[in-house]
C-alpha atoms as a PDB file:
ATOM      1  CA  MET A   1      28.864 -48.122 195.462  1.00  0.00           C
ATOM      2  CA  HIS A   2      31.637 -46.691 193.299  1.00  0.00           C
ATOM      3  CA  PHE A   3      30.434 -43.615 191.398  1.00  0.00           C
ATOM      4  CA  LEU A   4      31.528 -44.976 188.006  1.00  0.00           C
ATOM      5  CA  SER A   5      29.492 -48.175 188.330  1.00  0.00           C
ATOM      6  CA  PHE A   6      26.537 -46.171 189.581  1.00  0.00           C
ATOM      7  CA  LEU A   7      26.773 -43.891 186.558  1.00  0.00           C
ATOM      8  CA  THR A   8      26.845 -46.890 184.243  1.00  0.00           C
ATOM      9  CA  VAL A   9      23.839 -48.771 185.605  1.00  0.00           C
ATOM     10  CA  SER A  10      21.677 -45.808 186.577  1.00  0.00           C
ATOM     11  CA  LEU A  11      21.932 -43.421 183.618  1.00  0.00           C
ATOM     12  CA  ILE A  12      18.208 -43.564 182.895  1.00  0.00           C
ATOM     13  CA  THR A  13      17.056 -43.034 186.466  1.00  0.00           C
ATOM     14  CA  LEU A  14      19.465 -40.157 186.995  1.00  0.00           C
ATOM     15  CA  GLY A  15      18.787 -38.512 183.671  1.00  0.00           C
ATOM     16  CA  SER A  16      16.633 -35.750 185.094  1.00  0.00           C
ATOM     17  CA  ALA A  17      19.547 -34.499 187.191  1.00  0.00           C
ATOM     18  CA  PHE A  18      21.475 -33.686 184.035  1.00  0.00           C
ATOM     19  CA  VAL A  19      18.742 -32.419 181.728  1.00  0.00           C
ATOM     20  CA  LEU A  20      19.722 -29.153 180.092  1.00  0.00           C
ATOM     21  CA  PRO A  21      17.229 -26.460 179.085  1.00  0.00           C
ATOM     22  CA  GLY A  22      15.259 -27.472 176.015  1.00  0.00           C
ATOM     23  CA  THR A  23      15.888 -31.208 176.402  1.00  0.00           C
ATOM     24  CA  THR A  24      13.770 -34.076 177.662  1.00  0.00           C
ATOM     25  CA  PRO A  25      14.918 -36.932 179.919  1.00  0.00           C
ATOM     26  CA  GLN A  26      15.367 -39.010 176.729  1.00  0.00           C
ATOM     27  CA  GLN A  27      17.815 -36.367 175.498  1.00  0.00           C
ATOM     28  CA  THR A  28      19.863 -36.256 178.658  1.00  0.00           C
ATOM     29  CA  ILE A  29      23.293 -34.697 178.171  1.00  0.00           C
ATOM     30  CA  LEU A  30      26.059 -35.798 180.518  1.00  0.00           C
ATOM     31  CA  PRO A  31      29.137 -33.613 181.022  1.00  0.00           C
ATOM     32  CA  ASN A  32      32.001 -34.661 178.775  1.00  0.00           C
ATOM     33  CA  HIS A  33      34.310 -35.478 181.663  1.00  0.00           C
ATOM     34  CA  TYR A  34      31.807 -38.033 182.975  1.00  0.00           C
ATOM     35  CA  LEU A  35      31.377 -39.573 179.522  1.00  0.00           C
ATOM     36  CA  GLU A  36      35.136 -39.875 179.208  1.00  0.00           C
ATOM     37  CA  ALA A  37      35.384 -41.378 182.689  1.00  0.00           C
ATOM     38  CA  ASN A  38      32.725 -43.916 181.785  1.00  0.00           C
ATOM     39  CA  LYS A  39      34.880 -45.167 178.898  1.00  0.00           C
ATOM     40  CA  ARG A  40      37.597 -46.219 181.300  1.00  0.00           C
ATOM     41  CA  GLN A  41      37.803 -49.761 182.487  1.00  0.00           C
ATOM     42  CA  GLU A  42      36.576 -49.808 186.045  1.00  0.00           C
ATOM     43  CA  SER A  43      38.961 -51.200 188.629  1.00  0.00           C
ATOM     44  CA  GLU A  44      38.776 -51.842 192.342  1.00  0.00           C
ATOM     45  CA  ALA A  45      41.537 -49.298 192.994  1.00  0.00           C
ATOM     46  CA  GLN A  46      40.617 -46.267 195.063  1.00  0.00           C
ATOM     47  CA  SER A  47      41.669 -42.710 194.488  1.00  0.00           C
ATOM     48  CA  GLU A  48      45.348 -42.169 195.178  1.00  0.00           C
ATOM     49  CA  ILE A  49      44.490 -38.936 197.005  1.00  0.00           C
ATOM     50  CA  PRO A  50      44.502 -39.706 200.759  1.00  0.00           C
ATOM     51  CA  PHE A  51      41.376 -39.457 202.890  1.00  0.00           C
ATOM     52  CA  GLY A  52      41.353 -37.550 206.173  1.00  0.00           C
ATOM     53  CA  VAL A  53      44.427 -35.483 205.256  1.00  0.00           C
ATOM     54  CA  ILE A  54      44.504 -31.714 204.696  1.00  0.00           C
ATOM     55  CA  ILE A  55      45.518 -30.757 201.158  1.00  0.00           C
ATOM     56  CA  THR A  56      46.482 -27.159 200.350  1.00  0.00           C
ATOM     57  CA  HIS A  57      48.341 -27.313 197.012  1.00  0.00           C
ATOM     58  CA  CYS A  58      47.798 -28.772 193.565  1.00  0.00           C
ATOM     59  CA  ASN A  59      49.888 -31.710 192.345  1.00  0.00           C
ATOM     60  CA  ILE A  60      49.740 -30.756 188.671  1.00  0.00           C
ATOM     61  CA  PRO A  61      52.044 -27.941 187.472  1.00  0.00           C
ATOM     62  CA  GLY A  62      50.742 -24.916 185.603  1.00  0.00           C
ATOM     63  CA  VAL A  63      47.241 -24.943 187.073  1.00  0.00           C
ATOM     64  CA  VAL A  64      45.246 -22.925 189.595  1.00  0.00           C
ATOM     65  CA  ALA A  65      42.129 -24.203 191.357  1.00  0.00           C
ATOM     66  CA  LEU A  66      39.559 -21.504 192.018  1.00  0.00           C
ATOM     67  CA  THR A  67      37.178 -22.576 194.777  1.00  0.00           C
ATOM     68  CA  PHE A  68      34.042 -20.936 196.136  1.00  0.00           C
ATOM     69  CA  ASP A  69      32.540 -21.604 199.563  1.00  0.00           C
ATOM     70  CA  ASP A  70      29.151 -21.151 201.248  1.00  0.00           C
ATOM     71  CA  GLY A  71      26.790 -21.454 198.270  1.00  0.00           C
ATOM     72  CA  PRO A  72      24.670 -22.103 196.427  1.00  0.00           C
ATOM     73  CA  TYR A  73      23.327 -18.573 196.560  1.00  0.00           C
ATOM     74  CA  ILE A  74      21.830 -15.805 194.442  1.00  0.00           C
ATOM     75  CA  TYR A  75      25.250 -14.856 193.001  1.00  0.00           C
ATOM     76  CA  THR A  76      26.363 -18.378 192.048  1.00  0.00           C
ATOM     77  CA  GLY A  77      24.806 -18.149 188.590  1.00  0.00           C
ATOM     78  CA  GLN A  78      26.792 -15.019 187.770  1.00  0.00           C
ATOM     79  CA  ILE A  79      30.061 -16.739 188.700  1.00  0.00           C
ATOM     80  CA  LEU A  80      29.100 -19.655 186.463  1.00  0.00           C
ATOM     81  CA  GLU A  81      28.549 -17.206 183.589  1.00  0.00           C
ATOM     82  CA  THR A  82      31.953 -15.597 184.138  1.00  0.00           C
ATOM     83  CA  LEU A  83      33.724 -18.943 184.320  1.00  0.00           C
ATOM     84  CA  SER A  84      31.994 -20.077 181.132  1.00  0.00           C
ATOM     85  CA  GLN A  85      33.111 -16.962 179.267  1.00  0.00           C
ATOM     86  CA  HIS A  86      36.727 -17.770 180.100  1.00  0.00           C
ATOM     87  CA  GLY A  87      36.555 -21.536 179.626  1.00  0.00           C
ATOM     88  CA  ALA A  88      37.504 -21.952 183.281  1.00  0.00           C
ATOM     89  CA  ARG A  89      36.501 -24.715 185.662  1.00  0.00           C
ATOM     90  CA  ALA A  90      36.179 -24.315 189.424  1.00  0.00           C
ATOM     91  CA  THR A  91      35.059 -26.138 192.556  1.00  0.00           C
ATOM     92  CA  PHE A  92      32.058 -25.167 194.663  1.00  0.00           C
ATOM     93  CA  PHE A  93      32.098 -26.172 198.332  1.00  0.00           C
ATOM     94  CA  MET A  94      28.405 -26.100 199.167  1.00  0.00           C
ATOM     95  CA  ASN A  95      26.396 -25.966 202.368  1.00  0.00           C
ATOM     96  CA  GLY A  96      22.956 -27.349 203.071  1.00  0.00           C
ATOM     97  CA  VAL A  97      21.865 -24.277 204.979  1.00  0.00           C
ATOM     98  CA  ASN A  98      23.926 -21.102 205.198  1.00  0.00           C
ATOM     99  CA  LYS A  99      23.120 -17.827 203.456  1.00  0.00           C
ATOM    100  CA  GLY A 100      20.897 -19.871 201.200  1.00  0.00           C
ATOM    101  CA  ASN A 101      19.274 -23.302 201.348  1.00  0.00           C
ATOM    102  CA  ILE A 102      20.577 -25.887 198.905  1.00  0.00           C
ATOM    103  CA  ASP A 103      17.059 -27.162 198.218  1.00  0.00           C
ATOM    104  CA  SER A 104      16.129 -23.658 197.017  1.00  0.00           C
ATOM    105  CA  PHE A 105      18.833 -23.713 194.309  1.00  0.00           C
ATOM    106  CA  PRO A 106      18.809 -27.232 192.829  1.00  0.00           C
ATOM    107  CA  GLU A 107      19.125 -25.866 189.306  1.00  0.00           C
ATOM    108  CA  LEU A 108      22.409 -24.121 190.198  1.00  0.00           C
ATOM    109  CA  VAL A 109      23.825 -27.319 191.707  1.00  0.00           C
ATOM    110  CA  GLN A 110      22.886 -29.255 188.574  1.00  0.00           C
ATOM    111  CA  ARG A 111      24.137 -26.520 186.276  1.00  0.00           C
ATOM    112  CA  ALA A 112      27.539 -26.391 187.943  1.00  0.00           C
ATOM    113  CA  VAL A 113      28.016 -30.117 187.394  1.00  0.00           C
ATOM    114  CA  ASN A 114      26.719 -29.959 183.821  1.00  0.00           C
ATOM    115  CA  GLU A 115      29.178 -27.184 182.960  1.00  0.00           C
ATOM    116  CA  GLY A 116      32.181 -29.193 184.114  1.00  0.00           C
ATOM    117  CA  HIS A 117      32.689 -27.767 187.589  1.00  0.00           C
ATOM    118  CA  GLN A 118      33.212 -29.860 190.696  1.00  0.00           C
ATOM    119  CA  ILE A 119      30.786 -29.952 193.603  1.00  0.00           C
ATOM    120  CA  ALA A 120      32.132 -30.583 197.111  1.00  0.00           C
ATOM    121  CA  SER A 121      30.898 -30.507 200.704  1.00  0.00           C
ATOM    122  CA  HIS A 122      31.208 -27.574 203.086  1.00  0.00           C
ATOM    123  CA  THR A 123      29.013 -29.327 205.710  1.00  0.00           C
ATOM    124  CA  TRP A 124      25.288 -29.018 206.258  1.00  0.00           C
ATOM    125  CA  GLY A 125      25.067 -25.904 208.430  1.00  0.00           C
ATOM    126  CA  HIS A 126      28.535 -24.277 208.311  1.00  0.00           C
ATOM    127  CA  ALA A 127      29.160 -24.923 212.003  1.00  0.00           C
ATOM    128  CA  SER A 128      32.759 -24.637 213.166  1.00  0.00           C
ATOM    129  CA  LEU A 129      33.617 -28.321 213.409  1.00  0.00           C
ATOM    130  CA  ASP A 130      36.044 -27.813 216.291  1.00  0.00           C
ATOM    131  CA  THR A 131      33.034 -27.020 218.495  1.00  0.00           C
ATOM    132  CA  LEU A 132      31.187 -30.253 217.681  1.00  0.00           C
ATOM    133  CA  SER A 133      31.355 -33.815 218.944  1.00  0.00           C
ATOM    134  CA  TYR A 134      32.469 -36.614 216.655  1.00  0.00           C
ATOM    135  CA  ALA A 135      28.854 -37.694 216.148  1.00  0.00           C
ATOM    136  CA  GLU A 136      27.817 -34.139 215.308  1.00  0.00           C
ATOM    137  CA  ILE A 137      30.626 -33.842 212.769  1.00  0.00           C
ATOM    138  CA  ILE A 138      29.422 -37.027 211.097  1.00  0.00           C
ATOM    139  CA  ALA A 139      25.859 -35.663 211.011  1.00  0.00           C
ATOM    140  CA  GLN A 140      27.026 -32.423 209.383  1.00  0.00           C
ATOM    141  CA  MET A 141      28.437 -34.472 206.532  1.00  0.00           C
ATOM    142  CA  THR A 142      25.736 -37.111 206.129  1.00  0.00           C
ATOM    143  CA  ASN A 143      22.872 -34.602 206.254  1.00  0.00           C
ATOM    144  CA  LEU A 144      24.402 -32.798 203.289  1.00  0.00           C
ATOM    145  CA  GLU A 145      25.009 -36.099 201.522  1.00  0.00           C
ATOM    146  CA  GLU A 146      21.261 -36.731 201.653  1.00  0.00           C
ATOM    147  CA  ALA A 147      20.589 -33.332 200.072  1.00  0.00           C
ATOM    148  CA  PHE A 148      23.036 -34.030 197.236  1.00  0.00           C
ATOM    149  CA  LEU A 149      21.386 -37.407 196.681  1.00  0.00           C
ATOM    150  CA  ARG A 150      18.005 -35.685 196.363  1.00  0.00           C
ATOM    151  CA  ILE A 151      19.296 -33.169 193.847  1.00  0.00           C
ATOM    152  CA  LEU A 152      21.955 -35.070 191.894  1.00  0.00           C
ATOM    153  CA  GLY A 153      21.655 -38.725 192.824  1.00  0.00           C
ATOM    154  CA  PHE A 154      25.207 -38.778 194.181  1.00  0.00           C
ATOM    155  CA  TYR A 155      27.379 -36.882 196.663  1.00  0.00           C
ATOM    156  CA  PRO A 156      31.014 -35.706 196.729  1.00  0.00           C
ATOM    157  CA  SER A 157      34.138 -37.283 198.157  1.00  0.00           C
ATOM    158  CA  TYR A 158      35.795 -33.885 198.709  1.00  0.00           C
ATOM    159  CA  MET A 159      35.129 -31.427 201.526  1.00  0.00           C
ATOM    160  CA  ARG A 160      36.369 -28.225 203.119  1.00  0.00           C
ATOM    161  CA  ALA A 161      35.860 -27.502 206.810  1.00  0.00           C
ATOM    162  CA  PRO A 162      34.115 -24.199 207.622  1.00  0.00           C
ATOM    163  CA  TYR A 163      36.617 -21.573 208.801  1.00  0.00           C
ATOM    164  CA  LEU A 164      39.289 -24.193 207.910  1.00  0.00           C
ATOM    165  CA  MET A 165      38.914 -25.494 211.463  1.00  0.00           C
ATOM    166  CA  VAL A 166      40.200 -29.064 211.578  1.00  0.00           C
ATOM    167  CA  THR A 167      40.802 -31.109 214.731  1.00  0.00           C
ATOM    168  CA  ALA A 168      41.810 -34.703 215.397  1.00  0.00           C
ATOM    169  CA  ASP A 169      38.111 -35.624 215.510  1.00  0.00           C
ATOM    170  CA  VAL A 170      37.536 -33.949 212.145  1.00  0.00           C
ATOM    171  CA  LEU A 171      40.469 -35.814 210.593  1.00  0.00           C
ATOM    172  CA  ALA A 172      39.205 -39.107 212.012  1.00  0.00           C
ATOM    173  CA  ALA A 173      35.638 -38.500 210.869  1.00  0.00           C
ATOM    174  CA  MET A 174      36.692 -37.561 207.343  1.00  0.00           C
ATOM    175  CA  LYS A 175      38.914 -40.617 207.108  1.00  0.00           C
ATOM    176  CA  ALA A 176      36.045 -42.841 208.283  1.00  0.00           C
ATOM    177  CA  LEU A 177      33.648 -41.229 205.780  1.00  0.00           C
ATOM    178  CA  GLU A 178      36.329 -41.269 203.061  1.00  0.00           C
ATOM    179  CA  TYR A 179      36.532 -37.551 202.378  1.00  0.00           C
ATOM    180  CA  HIS A 180      39.505 -35.663 200.972  1.00  0.00           C
ATOM    181  CA  ILE A 181      39.997 -32.502 203.056  1.00  0.00           C
ATOM    182  CA  ILE A 182      40.819 -29.400 201.033  1.00  0.00           C
ATOM    183  CA  GLY A 183      42.369 -26.352 202.630  1.00  0.00           C
ATOM    184  CA  ALA A 184      43.802 -23.380 200.743  1.00  0.00           C
ATOM    185  CA  SER A 185      47.182 -21.931 199.844  1.00  0.00           C
ATOM    186  CA  ILE A 186      45.610 -18.651 198.672  1.00  0.00           C
ATOM    187  CA  ASP A 187      42.967 -17.247 201.016  1.00  0.00           C
ATOM    188  CA  THR A 188      41.510 -14.064 199.543  1.00  0.00           C
ATOM    189  CA  LYS A 189      39.693 -13.079 202.759  1.00  0.00           C
ATOM    190  CA  ASP A 190      37.080 -11.612 200.430  1.00  0.00           C
ATOM    191  CA  TYR A 191      34.512 -11.525 203.234  1.00  0.00           C
ATOM    192  CA  GLU A 192      36.660  -8.879 204.947  1.00  0.00           C
ATOM    193  CA  ASN A 193      36.712  -6.692 201.823  1.00  0.00           C
ATOM    194  CA  ASP A 194      33.151  -7.055 200.615  1.00  0.00           C
ATOM    195  CA  ASP A 195      32.776  -3.687 198.933  1.00  0.00           C
ATOM    196  CA  PRO A 196      34.181  -2.239 195.681  1.00  0.00           C
ATOM    197  CA  GLU A 197      36.435   0.231 197.473  1.00  0.00           C
ATOM    198  CA  HIS A 198      38.329  -2.469 199.348  1.00  0.00           C
ATOM    199  CA  SER A 199      38.191  -5.457 197.014  1.00  0.00           C
ATOM    200  CA  TRP A 200      41.705  -4.564 195.823  1.00  0.00           C
ATOM    201  CA  ARG A 201      42.999  -5.761 199.209  1.00  0.00           C
ATOM    202  CA  SER A 202      41.738  -9.266 198.491  1.00  0.00           C
ATOM    203  CA  PHE A 203      43.162  -9.121 194.984  1.00  0.00           C
ATOM    204  CA  GLU A 204      46.587  -8.028 196.240  1.00  0.00           C
ATOM    205  CA  LYS A 205      46.531 -10.843 198.797  1.00  0.00           C
ATOM    206  CA  PHE A 206      45.604 -13.267 196.035  1.00  0.00           C
ATOM    207  CA  ARG A 207      48.441 -12.045 193.820  1.00  0.00           C
ATOM    208  CA  ALA A 208      51.024 -12.130 196.610  1.00  0.00           C
ATOM    209  CA  GLU A 209      50.114 -15.677 197.610  1.00  0.00           C
ATOM    210  CA  LEU A 210      50.081 -16.735 193.953  1.00  0.00           C
ATOM    211  CA  ASP A 211      53.607 -15.330 193.735  1.00  0.00           C
ATOM    212  CA  GLY A 212      54.450 -17.430 196.796  1.00  0.00           C
ATOM    213  CA  GLY A 213      53.466 -20.669 195.101  1.00  0.00           C
ATOM    214  CA  GLY A 214      49.839 -20.919 196.145  1.00  0.00           C
ATOM    215  CA  THR A 215      47.589 -22.885 193.824  1.00  0.00           C
ATOM    216  CA  ILE A 216      44.278 -23.531 195.657  1.00  0.00           C
ATOM    217  CA  VAL A 217      42.286 -20.294 195.945  1.00  0.00           C
ATOM    218  CA  LEU A 218      39.591 -19.756 198.583  1.00  0.00           C
ATOM    219  CA  ALA A 219      36.828 -17.256 197.821  1.00  0.00           C
ATOM    220  CA  HIS A 220      33.043 -17.149 198.257  1.00  0.00           C
ATOM    221  CA  ASP A 221      30.116 -17.090 195.864  1.00  0.00           C
ATOM    222  CA  THR A 222      27.960 -15.455 198.535  1.00  0.00           C
ATOM    223  CA  HIS A 223      29.536 -11.990 198.324  1.00  0.00           C
ATOM    224  CA  ARG A 224      28.431  -9.589 195.601  1.00  0.00           C
ATOM    225  CA  THR A 225      31.775  -7.787 195.336  1.00  0.00           C
ATOM    226  CA  THR A 226      33.595 -11.080 194.890  1.00  0.00           C
ATOM    227  CA  VAL A 227      31.282 -11.992 192.030  1.00  0.00           C
ATOM    228  CA  GLU A 228      31.278  -8.579 190.342  1.00  0.00           C
ATOM    229  CA  VAL A 229      34.886  -7.478 190.884  1.00  0.00           C
ATOM    230  CA  LEU A 230      37.297  -9.968 192.439  1.00  0.00           C
ATOM    231  CA  VAL A 231      36.583 -12.984 190.230  1.00  0.00           C
ATOM    232  CA  ASP A 232      37.216 -11.027 187.024  1.00  0.00           C
ATOM    233  CA  ASN A 233      40.475  -9.642 188.389  1.00  0.00           C
ATOM    234  CA  MET A 234      41.701 -13.052 189.547  1.00  0.00           C
ATOM    235  CA  ILE A 235      40.855 -14.697 186.242  1.00  0.00           C
ATOM    236  CA  SER A 236      42.654 -11.960 184.297  1.00  0.00           C
ATOM    237  CA  GLU A 237      45.758 -12.390 186.458  1.00  0.00           C
ATOM    238  CA  ILE A 238      45.737 -16.169 186.071  1.00  0.00           C
ATOM    239  CA  GLU A 239      45.317 -15.898 182.306  1.00  0.00           C
ATOM    240  CA  GLU A 240      48.149 -13.379 182.023  1.00  0.00           C
ATOM    241  CA  ARG A 241      50.428 -15.834 183.801  1.00  0.00           C
ATOM    242  CA  GLY A 242      49.441 -18.614 181.409  1.00  0.00           C
ATOM    243  CA  HIS A 243      47.938 -20.911 184.035  1.00  0.00           C
ATOM    244  CA  GLU A 244      44.916 -23.139 183.455  1.00  0.00           C
ATOM    245  CA  MET A 245      41.920 -22.865 185.798  1.00  0.00           C
ATOM    246  CA  VAL A 246      40.784 -26.336 186.805  1.00  0.00           C
ATOM    247  CA  THR A 247      38.771 -28.188 189.426  1.00  0.00           C
ATOM    248  CA  ILE A 248      40.290 -29.503 192.645  1.00  0.00           C
ATOM    249  CA  GLY A 249      40.131 -33.062 191.375  1.00  0.00           C
ATOM    250  CA  GLU A 250      41.928 -32.079 188.181  1.00  0.00           C
ATOM    251  CA  CYS A 251      44.576 -30.079 189.987  1.00  0.00           C
ATOM    252  CA  LEU A 252      45.337 -33.120 192.139  1.00  0.00           C
ATOM    253  CA  GLY A 253      45.403 -35.509 189.192  1.00  0.00           C
ATOM    254  CA  ASP A 254      42.405 -37.417 190.577  1.00  0.00           C
ATOM    255  CA  PRO A 255      40.251 -39.072 187.848  1.00  0.00           C
ATOM    256  CA  PRO A 256      36.650 -37.763 187.705  1.00  0.00           C
ATOM    257  CA  GLU A 257      35.154 -41.153 188.613  1.00  0.00           C
ATOM    258  CA  TYR A 258      36.544 -40.688 192.127  1.00  0.00           C
ATOM    259  CA  TRP A 259      34.968 -37.272 192.763  1.00  0.00           C
ATOM    260  CA  TYR A 260      31.530 -38.613 193.728  1.00  0.00           C
ATOM    261  CA  ARG A 261      29.716 -41.594 195.205  1.00  0.00           C
ATOM    262  CA  ASP A 262      26.107 -42.740 195.337  1.00  0.00           C
ATOM    263  CA  GLY A 263      26.363 -44.536 198.691  1.00  0.00           C
ATOM    264  CA  ARG A 264      28.616 -46.413 201.094  1.00  0.00           C
END
């Protein structure tokens, strides 16, 4: 079912997924971008963004898409606070089981959506997809879909392959499952510089690749130094250049009603 029609007919049943602190299910607050999407006249047209194709750059000028892989984790909340302070939106490519377990952080998944960020798939267990069979690749995606359905009532139509490892089988599987594959044009390699003394290396790499025209930034919300040092530095640099920080869907010009689905 199309996500927009699902949102329209199932608002009451899904209310608990969007309840903010201090509200009751009868006072459910949906993110503004979903409310706006719901005002649009639904059509049978699909997203214009291709499925099963690797995308590394934004289509919209003047924007940068910050993305964070491997969560949700104990540091995700701090990144959400930082983004909120700057009025920035980002995309979180989440795993089912990695450093954390998605079922242990349902409130962070819900909060990210409520605050206008985009949730996307990073597979269930962060296995390198080039080592898996076609059937195993499918299972990595559908197992995580089930977790998102438990927590949110819907699941994403965007994904990033762990380690950016994409093969012909991965492309075919993502096309069959109707996933947009997101790569990166700015890879901070923050996991290689996960201490305050060396975080500047990731920042310099970020700045150099931003200078080179990169627009989709890959970092991780599972590394303390990224959360406490690198994110602030990247945001300051982006703001100084006058760019807007948006979600992947926004940076590609894809309407919000195409970011999620409730089933096939």
